[in-house]
Protein backbone atom coordinates (compact mmCIF):
# COMPACT_ATOMS: atom_id res chain seq x y z
CA MET A 1 -229.78 53.34 40.04
CA SER A 2 -229.88 55.84 37.17
CA HIS A 3 -226.80 56.45 35.04
CA ALA A 4 -226.46 59.99 36.41
CA LYS A 5 -226.68 58.80 40.00
CA ARG A 6 -224.20 56.00 39.33
CA LEU A 7 -221.72 58.55 38.02
CA LYS A 8 -222.34 60.80 41.04
CA VAL A 9 -221.56 57.93 43.40
CA GLU A 10 -218.61 56.59 41.41
CA PHE A 11 -216.85 59.92 41.20
CA GLY A 12 -217.94 61.17 44.64
CA ASP A 13 -219.42 64.06 42.73
CA PHE A 14 -220.23 66.75 45.30
CA GLN A 15 -219.48 70.04 43.51
CA THR A 16 -218.21 72.69 45.92
CA PRO A 17 -220.35 75.82 46.30
CA LYS A 18 -218.46 78.93 45.18
CA SER A 19 -219.03 80.62 48.54
CA LEU A 20 -217.45 77.71 50.42
CA ALA A 21 -214.46 77.66 48.06
CA HIS A 22 -213.86 81.36 48.80
CA ASP A 23 -214.27 80.78 52.55
CA VAL A 24 -211.67 78.01 52.40
CA CYS A 25 -209.19 80.23 50.55
CA ALA A 26 -209.80 83.02 53.06
CA VAL A 27 -208.87 80.65 55.91
CA LEU A 28 -205.68 79.69 54.08
CA ARG A 29 -204.72 83.34 53.62
CA SER A 30 -205.26 83.91 57.35
CA LEU A 31 -202.73 81.15 57.98
CA GLY A 32 -200.18 82.96 55.86
CA ILE A 33 -200.47 80.67 52.85
CA SER A 34 -199.56 82.47 49.62
CA PRO A 35 -198.69 79.90 46.94
CA ASP A 36 -196.83 80.33 43.68
CA ILE A 37 -198.73 77.41 42.16
CA VAL A 38 -202.18 76.06 43.02
CA VAL A 39 -203.07 72.51 41.95
CA GLU A 40 -206.65 71.17 42.03
CA PRO A 41 -206.46 67.39 41.39
CA THR A 42 -210.24 66.92 40.83
CA CYS A 43 -211.49 70.35 39.84
CA GLY A 44 -214.98 69.51 38.52
CA VAL A 45 -216.60 72.68 37.19
CA GLY A 46 -213.91 74.87 38.73
CA ALA A 47 -215.16 76.41 41.99
CA PHE A 48 -211.78 76.14 43.68
CA VAL A 49 -209.85 77.20 40.58
CA CYS A 50 -211.94 80.38 40.36
CA ALA A 51 -211.59 81.07 44.09
CA ALA A 52 -207.82 80.51 43.97
CA ILE A 53 -207.39 83.03 41.13
CA GLN A 54 -209.20 85.70 43.10
CA GLU A 55 -207.92 84.89 46.61
CA PHE A 56 -204.27 84.28 45.67
CA PRO A 57 -203.49 87.03 43.14
CA SER A 58 -199.73 86.49 43.46
CA ALA A 59 -199.99 82.88 42.26
CA ARG A 60 -198.41 82.58 38.82
CA GLU A 61 -200.32 79.43 37.81
CA VAL A 62 -203.54 77.65 38.80
CA ILE A 63 -203.84 74.11 37.42
CA GLY A 64 -207.04 72.09 37.32
CA PHE A 65 -207.20 68.35 36.57
CA GLU A 66 -210.48 66.53 35.99
CA ILE A 67 -211.43 63.07 34.72
CA ASN A 68 -214.83 64.18 33.34
CA GLU A 69 -214.12 66.16 30.18
CA PRO A 70 -217.67 67.62 29.96
CA TYR A 71 -217.01 69.39 33.27
CA LEU A 72 -213.81 70.90 31.91
CA ASN A 73 -215.56 71.98 28.71
CA GLN A 74 -218.26 73.66 30.79
CA PHE A 75 -215.60 75.42 32.85
CA ARG A 76 -213.62 76.50 29.78
CA GLU A 77 -216.69 78.27 28.41
CA SER A 78 -216.77 80.53 31.49
CA LEU A 79 -213.03 81.29 31.54
CA PRO A 80 -213.05 84.27 29.13
CA ASP A 81 -215.19 86.19 31.62
CA LEU A 82 -212.85 85.42 34.52
CA SER A 83 -210.19 87.90 35.58
CA GLY A 84 -206.84 86.13 35.79
CA ALA A 85 -207.89 83.37 33.38
CA GLU A 86 -204.48 83.56 31.68
CA LYS A 87 -203.02 81.83 34.76
CA VAL A 88 -205.28 78.79 34.40
CA ARG A 89 -204.18 75.47 32.92
CA LEU A 90 -206.84 72.75 32.59
CA GLU A 91 -206.11 69.12 31.79
CA VAL A 92 -208.20 65.96 31.47
CA ALA A 93 -206.59 63.47 33.83
CA ASP A 94 -207.42 60.36 35.84
CA PHE A 95 -206.09 60.87 39.36
CA PHE A 96 -205.09 57.23 39.68
CA SER A 97 -202.96 57.14 36.52
CA LYS A 98 -201.51 60.65 36.89
CA ASN A 99 -197.84 60.80 37.90
CA TRP A 100 -198.19 63.28 40.74
CA LEU A 101 -194.58 62.98 41.85
CA GLU A 102 -193.47 64.11 38.41
CA GLU A 103 -196.09 66.87 38.30
CA PHE A 104 -195.00 68.33 41.64
CA SER A 105 -191.28 67.87 40.93
CA GLU A 106 -191.53 69.96 37.77
CA SER A 107 -193.11 72.86 39.70
CA SER A 108 -190.82 75.41 41.32
CA GLY A 109 -191.83 77.65 44.18
CA SER A 110 -194.47 77.06 46.83
CA ILE A 111 -197.30 74.67 46.00
CA LEU A 112 -200.84 74.55 47.35
CA VAL A 113 -202.84 71.40 46.59
CA LEU A 114 -206.43 72.47 47.01
CA GLY A 115 -209.83 70.92 46.46
CA ASN A 116 -212.58 68.47 47.25
CA LEU A 117 -211.76 64.79 46.75
CA PRO A 118 -214.45 62.09 46.16
CA TRP A 119 -216.61 61.24 49.19
CA VAL A 120 -217.06 57.55 48.48
CA THR A 121 -215.61 54.25 49.73
CA ASN A 122 -214.04 51.46 47.73
CA SER A 123 -216.76 49.02 48.84
CA ALA A 124 -219.52 51.38 47.73
CA LEU A 125 -217.98 51.49 44.26
CA GLY A 126 -217.57 47.73 44.21
CA ILE A 127 -221.29 47.21 44.72
CA PHE A 128 -222.03 48.31 41.17
CA GLY A 129 -218.65 47.80 39.52
CA GLY A 130 -217.37 51.39 39.60
CA SER A 131 -213.96 51.78 37.99
CA ASN A 132 -212.81 55.06 39.57
CA LEU A 133 -210.50 53.20 41.93
CA PRO A 134 -206.78 52.80 42.61
CA GLU A 135 -205.19 49.45 41.79
CA LYS A 136 -206.33 46.90 44.33
CA SER A 137 -203.99 46.61 47.28
CA ASN A 138 -204.35 46.32 51.03
CA PHE A 139 -202.73 49.74 51.47
CA LEU A 140 -203.91 49.96 55.09
CA LYS A 141 -201.97 46.73 55.77
CA GLN A 142 -204.92 45.01 57.42
CA ALA A 143 -204.45 41.33 58.10
CA GLY A 144 -206.53 38.24 58.63
CA PHE A 145 -210.07 38.73 59.93
CA ASP A 146 -209.84 42.53 59.69
CA ALA A 147 -209.11 42.39 55.98
CA ILE A 148 -212.05 40.12 55.14
CA SER A 149 -214.65 41.45 57.57
CA GLY A 150 -214.78 45.05 56.46
CA LYS A 151 -211.99 46.87 58.27
CA SER A 152 -210.03 46.98 55.01
CA ASN A 153 -212.78 49.17 53.55
CA PHE A 154 -211.53 52.72 53.03
CA ASP A 155 -212.51 56.07 51.59
CA ILE A 156 -211.09 56.75 48.13
CA SER A 157 -210.07 60.21 49.34
CA GLU A 158 -207.92 58.57 52.02
CA TRP A 159 -205.89 56.77 49.35
CA MET A 160 -205.69 59.91 47.20
CA LEU A 161 -204.60 62.19 50.03
CA LEU A 162 -201.95 59.77 51.22
CA ASP A 163 -200.62 59.58 47.66
CA ILE A 164 -200.41 63.39 47.51
CA LEU A 165 -198.66 63.52 50.89
CA LEU A 166 -196.03 61.00 49.84
CA CYS A 167 -195.41 62.80 46.55
CA LEU A 168 -194.85 66.09 48.41
CA LYS A 169 -192.72 64.57 51.16
CA GLY A 170 -189.46 66.42 51.65
CA ARG A 171 -190.52 69.84 50.34
CA SER A 172 -192.40 72.84 51.67
CA ALA A 173 -195.97 72.69 50.45
CA ASP A 174 -199.54 73.11 51.63
CA ILE A 175 -202.58 70.85 51.30
CA ALA A 176 -206.15 72.02 51.86
CA MET A 177 -208.91 69.48 51.19
CA LEU A 178 -212.58 69.04 51.97
CA VAL A 179 -212.94 65.48 53.27
CA LYS A 180 -214.85 63.41 55.77
CA THR A 181 -213.65 64.23 59.27
CA ALA A 182 -212.77 60.59 59.95
CA VAL A 183 -210.58 60.60 56.83
CA ALA A 184 -208.81 63.77 58.01
CA ARG A 185 -207.86 62.12 61.28
CA LYS A 186 -206.61 59.00 59.53
CA ILE A 187 -204.47 61.07 57.16
CA LEU A 188 -202.84 62.94 60.02
CA ALA A 189 -202.16 59.60 61.73
CA HIS A 190 -200.63 58.29 58.48
CA ALA A 191 -198.42 61.38 58.27
CA GLU A 192 -197.01 60.78 61.73
CA LYS A 193 -196.60 57.04 61.24
CA GLN A 194 -194.75 57.51 57.95
CA LYS A 195 -192.66 60.40 59.30
CA ILE A 196 -193.90 62.88 56.71
CA PRO A 197 -192.58 66.25 57.98
CA VAL A 198 -195.64 68.29 59.01
CA GLN A 199 -195.08 71.80 60.26
CA GLN A 200 -198.68 72.63 61.16
CA SER A 201 -202.12 71.11 60.59
CA SER A 202 -205.71 71.87 61.46
CA ILE A 203 -209.27 70.70 60.92
CA TYR A 204 -212.21 73.07 60.40
CA GLY A 205 -215.74 71.70 60.59
CA ILE A 206 -218.12 72.41 57.69
CA ASP A 207 -221.86 71.98 57.33
CA ALA A 208 -221.97 69.14 54.80
CA LYS A 209 -225.76 68.99 54.91
CA LYS A 210 -226.08 72.65 53.92
CA ASP A 211 -223.24 72.77 51.40
CA PHE A 212 -223.53 69.31 49.82
CA ASN A 213 -226.82 67.83 51.06
CA ALA A 214 -224.71 65.01 52.49
CA ALA A 215 -225.44 63.40 55.87
CA VAL A 216 -221.81 63.06 56.87
CA ASP A 217 -219.41 64.77 59.24
CA ALA A 218 -216.97 66.65 57.00
CA CYS A 219 -214.25 69.25 57.34
CA LEU A 220 -211.54 71.31 55.77
CA LEU A 221 -208.20 69.62 56.40
CA VAL A 222 -205.15 71.88 56.20
CA ILE A 223 -201.64 70.40 56.29
CA ARG A 224 -198.52 72.55 56.04
CA LEU A 225 -195.50 70.46 55.05
CA THR A 226 -191.90 71.43 55.71
CA ASP A 227 -188.56 70.46 54.17
CA LYS A 228 -187.02 70.44 57.65
CA PRO A 229 -187.91 67.11 59.38
CA GLY A 230 -186.56 68.41 62.68
CA GLU A 231 -189.39 70.93 62.82
CA SER A 232 -192.19 68.35 62.50
CA MET A 233 -195.27 68.83 64.69
CA TYR A 234 -198.02 66.21 64.62
CA ASP A 235 -200.42 67.70 67.15
CA TYR A 236 -203.18 69.67 65.44
CA THR A 237 -206.05 72.01 66.22
CA VAL A 238 -209.71 71.21 65.63
CA TYR A 239 -212.08 74.12 65.03
CA GLU A 240 -215.84 73.69 65.22
CA LYS A 241 -216.36 75.63 61.98
CA ILE A 242 -214.43 77.62 59.40
CA SER A 243 -215.18 80.91 61.12
CA SER A 244 -213.94 79.70 64.54
CA THR A 245 -210.86 81.34 66.01
CA HIS A 246 -210.40 79.03 69.00
CA GLY A 247 -210.04 75.25 68.78
CA LYS A 248 -209.09 72.12 70.70
CA ARG A 249 -205.66 70.53 70.52
CA VAL A 250 -205.61 66.96 69.26
CA GLY A 251 -202.67 64.65 68.79
CA HIS A 252 -201.24 61.16 68.87
CA ARG A 253 -199.95 59.60 72.05
CA ARG A 254 -198.75 56.02 72.52
CA GLY A 255 -200.11 55.05 69.12
CA LEU A 256 -203.57 56.50 69.89
CA ILE A 257 -205.45 59.38 68.29
CA VAL A 258 -206.30 61.64 71.22
CA GLY A 259 -209.22 64.01 70.85
CA ASP A 260 -208.56 65.93 74.07
CA LEU A 261 -204.90 66.10 75.08
CA GLU A 262 -205.59 67.75 78.42
CA ALA A 263 -208.03 65.04 79.53
CA PHE A 264 -205.75 62.32 78.20
CA ASN A 265 -202.70 63.60 80.03
CA SER A 266 -204.57 63.58 83.35
CA SER A 267 -205.55 59.90 82.97
CA ALA A 268 -202.75 58.51 80.80
CA PHE A 269 -201.58 56.31 83.69
CA LEU A 270 -204.49 54.00 82.80
CA VAL A 271 -203.22 53.31 79.28
CA GLY A 272 -202.04 49.75 79.04
CA GLN A 273 -203.58 46.34 78.48
CA CYS A 274 -207.12 45.68 79.60
CA PRO A 275 -207.21 42.85 82.20
CA GLN A 276 -209.86 41.11 80.07
CA LYS A 277 -210.27 41.49 76.33
CA TRP A 278 -213.48 43.17 75.20
CA ARG A 279 -215.45 40.90 72.88
CA SER A 280 -217.95 41.51 70.12
CA GLY A 281 -221.40 39.91 70.12
CA VAL A 282 -222.48 37.02 67.90
CA LYS A 283 -222.07 37.45 64.14
CA HIS A 284 -224.26 35.28 61.94
CA ASP A 285 -225.37 37.45 58.97
CA ALA A 286 -228.78 35.75 58.85
CA SER A 287 -231.02 37.57 61.32
CA SER A 288 -234.29 36.41 59.72
CA ILE A 289 -233.31 32.81 60.45
CA MET A 290 -231.01 32.88 63.47
CA GLU A 291 -232.92 35.45 65.55
CA LEU A 292 -236.26 34.48 67.09
CA SER A 293 -239.04 36.22 69.01
CA ARG A 294 -241.34 34.61 71.54
CA THR A 295 -245.06 35.13 71.03
CA GLN A 296 -247.97 33.71 72.99
CA ASP A 297 -248.09 30.69 70.70
CA ALA A 298 -244.49 29.91 69.74
CA LEU A 299 -241.08 31.12 68.75
CA LYS A 300 -241.13 32.92 65.41
CA ASN A 301 -238.30 33.86 63.10
CA GLY A 302 -237.93 36.99 61.01
CA LEU A 303 -239.77 35.32 58.14
CA GLY A 304 -242.89 34.99 60.30
CA GLU A 305 -242.52 31.21 60.57
CA SER A 306 -243.29 29.33 63.78
CA VAL A 307 -240.15 27.59 64.99
CA ASP A 308 -240.19 24.34 66.96
CA ILE A 309 -236.65 23.47 68.05
CA GLU A 310 -234.90 22.14 71.15
CA PRO A 311 -233.72 24.77 73.70
CA ASP A 312 -230.09 23.53 73.69
CA TYR A 313 -228.76 26.09 71.21
CA VAL A 314 -231.23 28.91 71.90
CA PHE A 315 -230.09 31.84 74.06
CA PRO A 316 -231.65 35.17 75.17
CA LEU A 317 -230.63 38.06 72.91
CA LEU A 318 -230.14 41.76 73.58
CA LYS A 319 -229.61 43.92 70.50
CA GLY A 320 -227.30 46.92 70.44
CA SER A 321 -230.29 49.29 70.60
CA ASP A 322 -231.51 47.49 73.74
CA VAL A 323 -228.13 47.81 75.42
CA GLY A 324 -227.63 51.43 74.41
CA SER A 325 -231.09 52.61 75.43
CA GLY A 326 -231.35 50.58 78.64
CA LYS A 327 -234.50 48.80 77.44
CA PRO A 328 -235.56 45.60 79.20
CA TRP A 329 -235.32 42.26 77.43
CA ARG A 330 -237.90 41.97 74.66
CA GLU A 331 -238.14 38.13 74.66
CA LYS A 332 -235.80 37.78 71.73
CA PHE A 333 -233.50 34.81 71.23
CA VAL A 334 -230.61 33.83 68.99
CA LEU A 335 -229.61 30.40 67.71
CA VAL A 336 -225.93 29.79 68.62
CA THR A 337 -224.66 26.70 66.83
CA GLN A 338 -221.18 26.51 68.36
CA ARG A 339 -219.44 27.10 71.66
CA PHE A 340 -216.18 28.10 70.00
CA VAL A 341 -215.18 29.22 66.51
CA GLY A 342 -214.55 26.27 64.21
CA GLU A 343 -216.38 23.72 66.36
CA HIS A 344 -218.01 20.97 64.30
CA THR A 345 -221.76 21.46 63.96
CA GLU A 346 -222.62 17.85 63.07
CA PRO A 347 -223.43 16.96 66.72
CA ILE A 348 -226.53 19.15 66.39
CA ARG A 349 -227.95 16.55 64.00
CA GLN A 350 -227.61 13.84 66.65
CA PHE A 351 -228.48 15.65 69.87
CA SER A 352 -230.96 18.29 68.62
CA PRO A 353 -232.57 16.84 65.50
CA LYS A 354 -235.35 19.46 65.29
CA THR A 355 -232.75 22.25 65.38
CA TRP A 356 -230.74 20.52 62.63
CA ALA A 357 -233.89 20.10 60.56
CA TYR A 358 -234.62 23.82 60.96
CA LEU A 359 -231.11 24.73 59.79
CA GLU A 360 -231.39 22.33 56.87
CA ALA A 361 -234.73 23.83 55.89
CA HIS A 362 -233.00 27.20 55.53
CA HIS A 363 -229.71 25.90 54.18
CA GLU A 364 -229.88 27.91 50.97
CA ALA A 365 -229.81 31.24 52.81
CA LEU A 366 -227.25 30.06 55.38
CA ASP A 367 -224.95 28.47 52.81
CA ALA A 368 -225.15 31.62 50.67
CA ARG A 369 -223.71 33.92 53.33
CA GLY A 370 -221.09 35.79 51.37
CA SER A 371 -218.13 36.21 53.70
CA THR A 372 -215.20 33.82 53.39
CA ILE A 373 -215.29 33.35 57.16
CA TYR A 374 -218.37 31.13 56.65
CA LYS A 375 -217.05 29.32 53.61
CA LYS A 376 -213.90 28.20 55.44
CA ASN A 377 -215.67 26.93 58.56
CA PRO A 378 -218.19 24.19 59.40
CA ARG A 379 -221.67 24.47 57.96
CA PHE A 380 -224.07 26.78 59.83
CA SER A 381 -221.17 28.46 61.69
CA VAL A 382 -221.43 31.66 63.70
CA PHE A 383 -218.70 33.93 65.04
CA GLY A 384 -218.11 35.88 68.21
CA VAL A 385 -218.27 32.78 70.41
CA GLY A 386 -215.86 31.18 72.81
CA GLU A 387 -215.65 30.17 76.45
CA TYR A 388 -216.17 33.83 77.38
CA ALA A 389 -219.57 33.95 75.63
CA PHE A 390 -221.15 31.48 78.06
CA ARG A 391 -220.23 33.06 81.38
CA PRO A 392 -223.38 34.23 83.19
CA TRP A 393 -222.57 37.90 83.89
CA ARG A 394 -221.59 40.71 81.51
CA ILE A 395 -220.76 44.39 81.23
CA ALA A 396 -221.94 45.56 77.82
CA ILE A 397 -221.80 48.74 75.73
CA CYS A 398 -223.29 49.54 72.33
CA ALA A 399 -220.68 50.67 69.80
CA LEU A 400 -223.13 52.84 67.85
CA TYR A 401 -224.52 55.06 70.62
CA LYS A 402 -223.14 58.57 71.10
CA SER A 403 -222.47 58.19 74.80
CA ILE A 404 -220.41 55.99 77.10
CA ARG A 405 -223.11 53.89 78.71
CA PHE A 406 -222.06 50.63 80.31
CA ARG A 407 -224.75 48.14 81.27
CA LEU A 408 -224.64 45.27 83.73
CA VAL A 409 -226.39 42.22 82.27
CA GLY A 410 -227.20 39.07 84.19
CA PRO A 411 -228.55 35.69 83.01
CA ILE A 412 -232.12 35.47 81.75
CA GLU A 413 -234.21 32.37 82.35
CA GLY A 414 -231.07 30.69 83.66
CA ARG A 415 -229.09 31.22 80.44
CA PRO A 416 -226.28 33.67 79.57
CA VAL A 417 -227.40 36.56 77.38
CA MET A 418 -226.01 36.93 73.86
CA PHE A 419 -225.60 40.21 71.96
CA ASP A 420 -225.49 41.19 68.32
CA ASP A 421 -222.23 42.34 66.79
CA THR A 422 -222.85 46.04 67.52
CA VAL A 423 -222.22 45.30 71.20
CA TYR A 424 -218.90 44.89 73.01
CA TYR A 425 -218.76 43.18 76.38
CA LEU A 426 -216.75 41.67 79.22
CA SER A 427 -217.96 38.47 80.91
CA PHE A 428 -217.69 37.15 84.45
CA GLU A 429 -218.51 34.07 86.50
CA SER A 430 -219.95 36.02 89.43
CA GLU A 431 -222.26 38.98 89.83
CA GLN A 432 -219.98 40.59 92.42
CA GLU A 433 -216.95 40.50 90.11
CA ALA A 434 -219.00 42.13 87.35
CA LYS A 435 -220.28 44.85 89.70
CA ASP A 436 -216.79 45.58 91.02
CA THR A 437 -215.46 45.94 87.48
CA LEU A 438 -218.35 48.17 86.48
CA GLU A 439 -217.51 50.50 89.35
CA LEU A 440 -213.93 50.79 88.08
CA LEU A 441 -215.04 51.39 84.50
CA SER A 442 -217.45 54.05 85.72
CA SER A 443 -214.82 55.93 87.72
CA GLU A 444 -213.88 59.47 86.78
CA PRO A 445 -210.33 58.66 85.55
CA ALA A 446 -211.57 55.80 83.34
CA MET A 447 -214.33 57.95 81.87
CA ARG A 448 -211.91 60.80 81.28
CA LEU A 449 -209.50 58.56 79.38
CA LEU A 450 -212.20 56.98 77.21
CA SER A 451 -213.78 60.36 76.48
CA SER A 452 -210.43 61.72 75.32
CA LEU A 453 -210.06 58.88 72.79
CA ILE A 454 -213.57 58.66 71.33
CA PHE A 455 -214.63 60.74 68.31
CA TRP A 456 -218.41 60.93 68.36
CA ASP A 457 -218.79 61.87 64.69
CA GLU A 458 -217.75 58.37 63.60
CA LYS A 459 -220.35 55.80 62.61
CA ARG A 460 -219.09 53.37 65.26
CA PRO A 461 -217.45 55.70 67.77
CA ILE A 462 -216.82 53.12 70.50
CA LYS A 463 -214.23 50.56 69.41
CA THR A 464 -212.63 47.57 71.07
CA SER A 465 -209.23 49.03 70.14
CA LEU A 466 -210.00 51.88 72.56
CA LEU A 467 -211.70 49.86 75.27
CA ASN A 468 -208.83 47.40 75.33
CA VAL A 469 -206.20 50.03 76.19
CA LEU A 470 -207.98 50.96 79.43
CA ASP A 471 -206.28 49.06 82.26
CA TRP A 472 -209.00 49.36 84.86
CA SER A 473 -207.02 47.23 87.33
CA LYS A 474 -204.97 50.37 88.07
CA ILE A 475 -207.94 52.20 89.54
CA ALA A 476 -209.08 49.67 92.12
CA SER A 477 -208.75 52.38 94.77
CA VAL A 478 -211.06 54.77 92.94
CA LYS A 479 -214.50 54.69 94.53
CA GLN A 480 -216.30 57.68 93.10
CA SER A 481 -218.15 56.93 89.85
CA ALA A 482 -218.78 59.47 87.10
CA PRO A 483 -222.40 60.73 87.36
CA GLN A 484 -223.11 60.41 83.64
CA ILE A 485 -222.84 56.62 83.64
CA GLU A 486 -226.10 54.71 83.56
CA MET A 487 -225.91 51.42 85.47
CA SER A 488 -228.81 49.03 85.02
CA LEU A 489 -229.38 45.37 85.72
CA THR A 490 -231.12 43.19 83.15
CA THR A 491 -233.64 40.84 84.70
CA PRO A 492 -236.14 38.42 83.15
């Protein structure tokens, strides 16, 4: 990666087009926002500072902070030609070392914090040692497996926005930021959880591809804070685009982010505890070794090697793309070395010597798997296994597909089917029990509830945290299934 590109990634450097900055300020004016002071925490070359001067003429000061001094120098050169430049104060500052509480406390009158925070995650920076990060802490309070398997990954803008919110807590102020849409939702959830008094908030979709050449769902997040906690309102309105005048009400109910309050309210009686926990497919982080394909001659791994091993630990495999698209089985298999997490793998050496020899032959790659979940467990371990993984019948759904499509999956060649870790599933001992459950999951109330909770712009829109709150046992009397559900039976 070139030095310039490294800097672009590290600082989430997507400079805001001047036209978009003016459109944002116009939206704020339509909401009645007229600040005394405008603060841009990461002002870059000054698009928002310029727009704020022109769109908020009554503001007595517009302050821009920026870590990259060359940007500020470039901006300073253009200031003499800018009407209202006498209101501008520019300062080189690192967001993460700046005392924002002190900065805001010293400002009297109404404050608008405006701008475009970095669009980058902490893990993306860590790949190449980027330093534009807050001090390391598990600020999302993830624990155990979540913290070490990736759920503790977060957008830098999420940390920054939460810091701004906390520093403004207890006073009237406005925040308007361009962020990823998923980050906006998380921030509004944080605000409610931490009882930050929010008077009004909204999300306006933007065209990130057009404005930033970024393939991400992004938005303008507007939060109006109040100094009167009794007036807090945590429901918010989502508009398709900045020019929209009508939106959809979104809010938080029973600890859930609800994307359609009307649909949720009509099916909220189903919120509870799922009768059976949804499980994730097998995680092994070594697909070229652990996943096999059957050819006319032999099993072959992802390295193109012929594989001669006993059948004891080999199971049919359906990938997430197979489940989501309804494709038939493609004669793929996966090597499952344990029947439950933490089970000793040494018995493989005794009872399936060819399988053990195969694992040993690839020990360097398997032993080098980076996650601590492998280092703390028996050699050649996998995850996503337990008694549930070996029942013959399943209902599966791909987490990555942009539709709610459950699939009934039966055994193949007399063996239970395994999935990769982009698939969530329930498992059953009998075909009839699986079919009965699928009918309940496919019912109109169940579909309505799930649809109200899923945000399709997210990379993995379908989550076990959502599936597991659907108590389908409460709809045993519902017989009519939603027409959009695709039900298919996997056969050899």
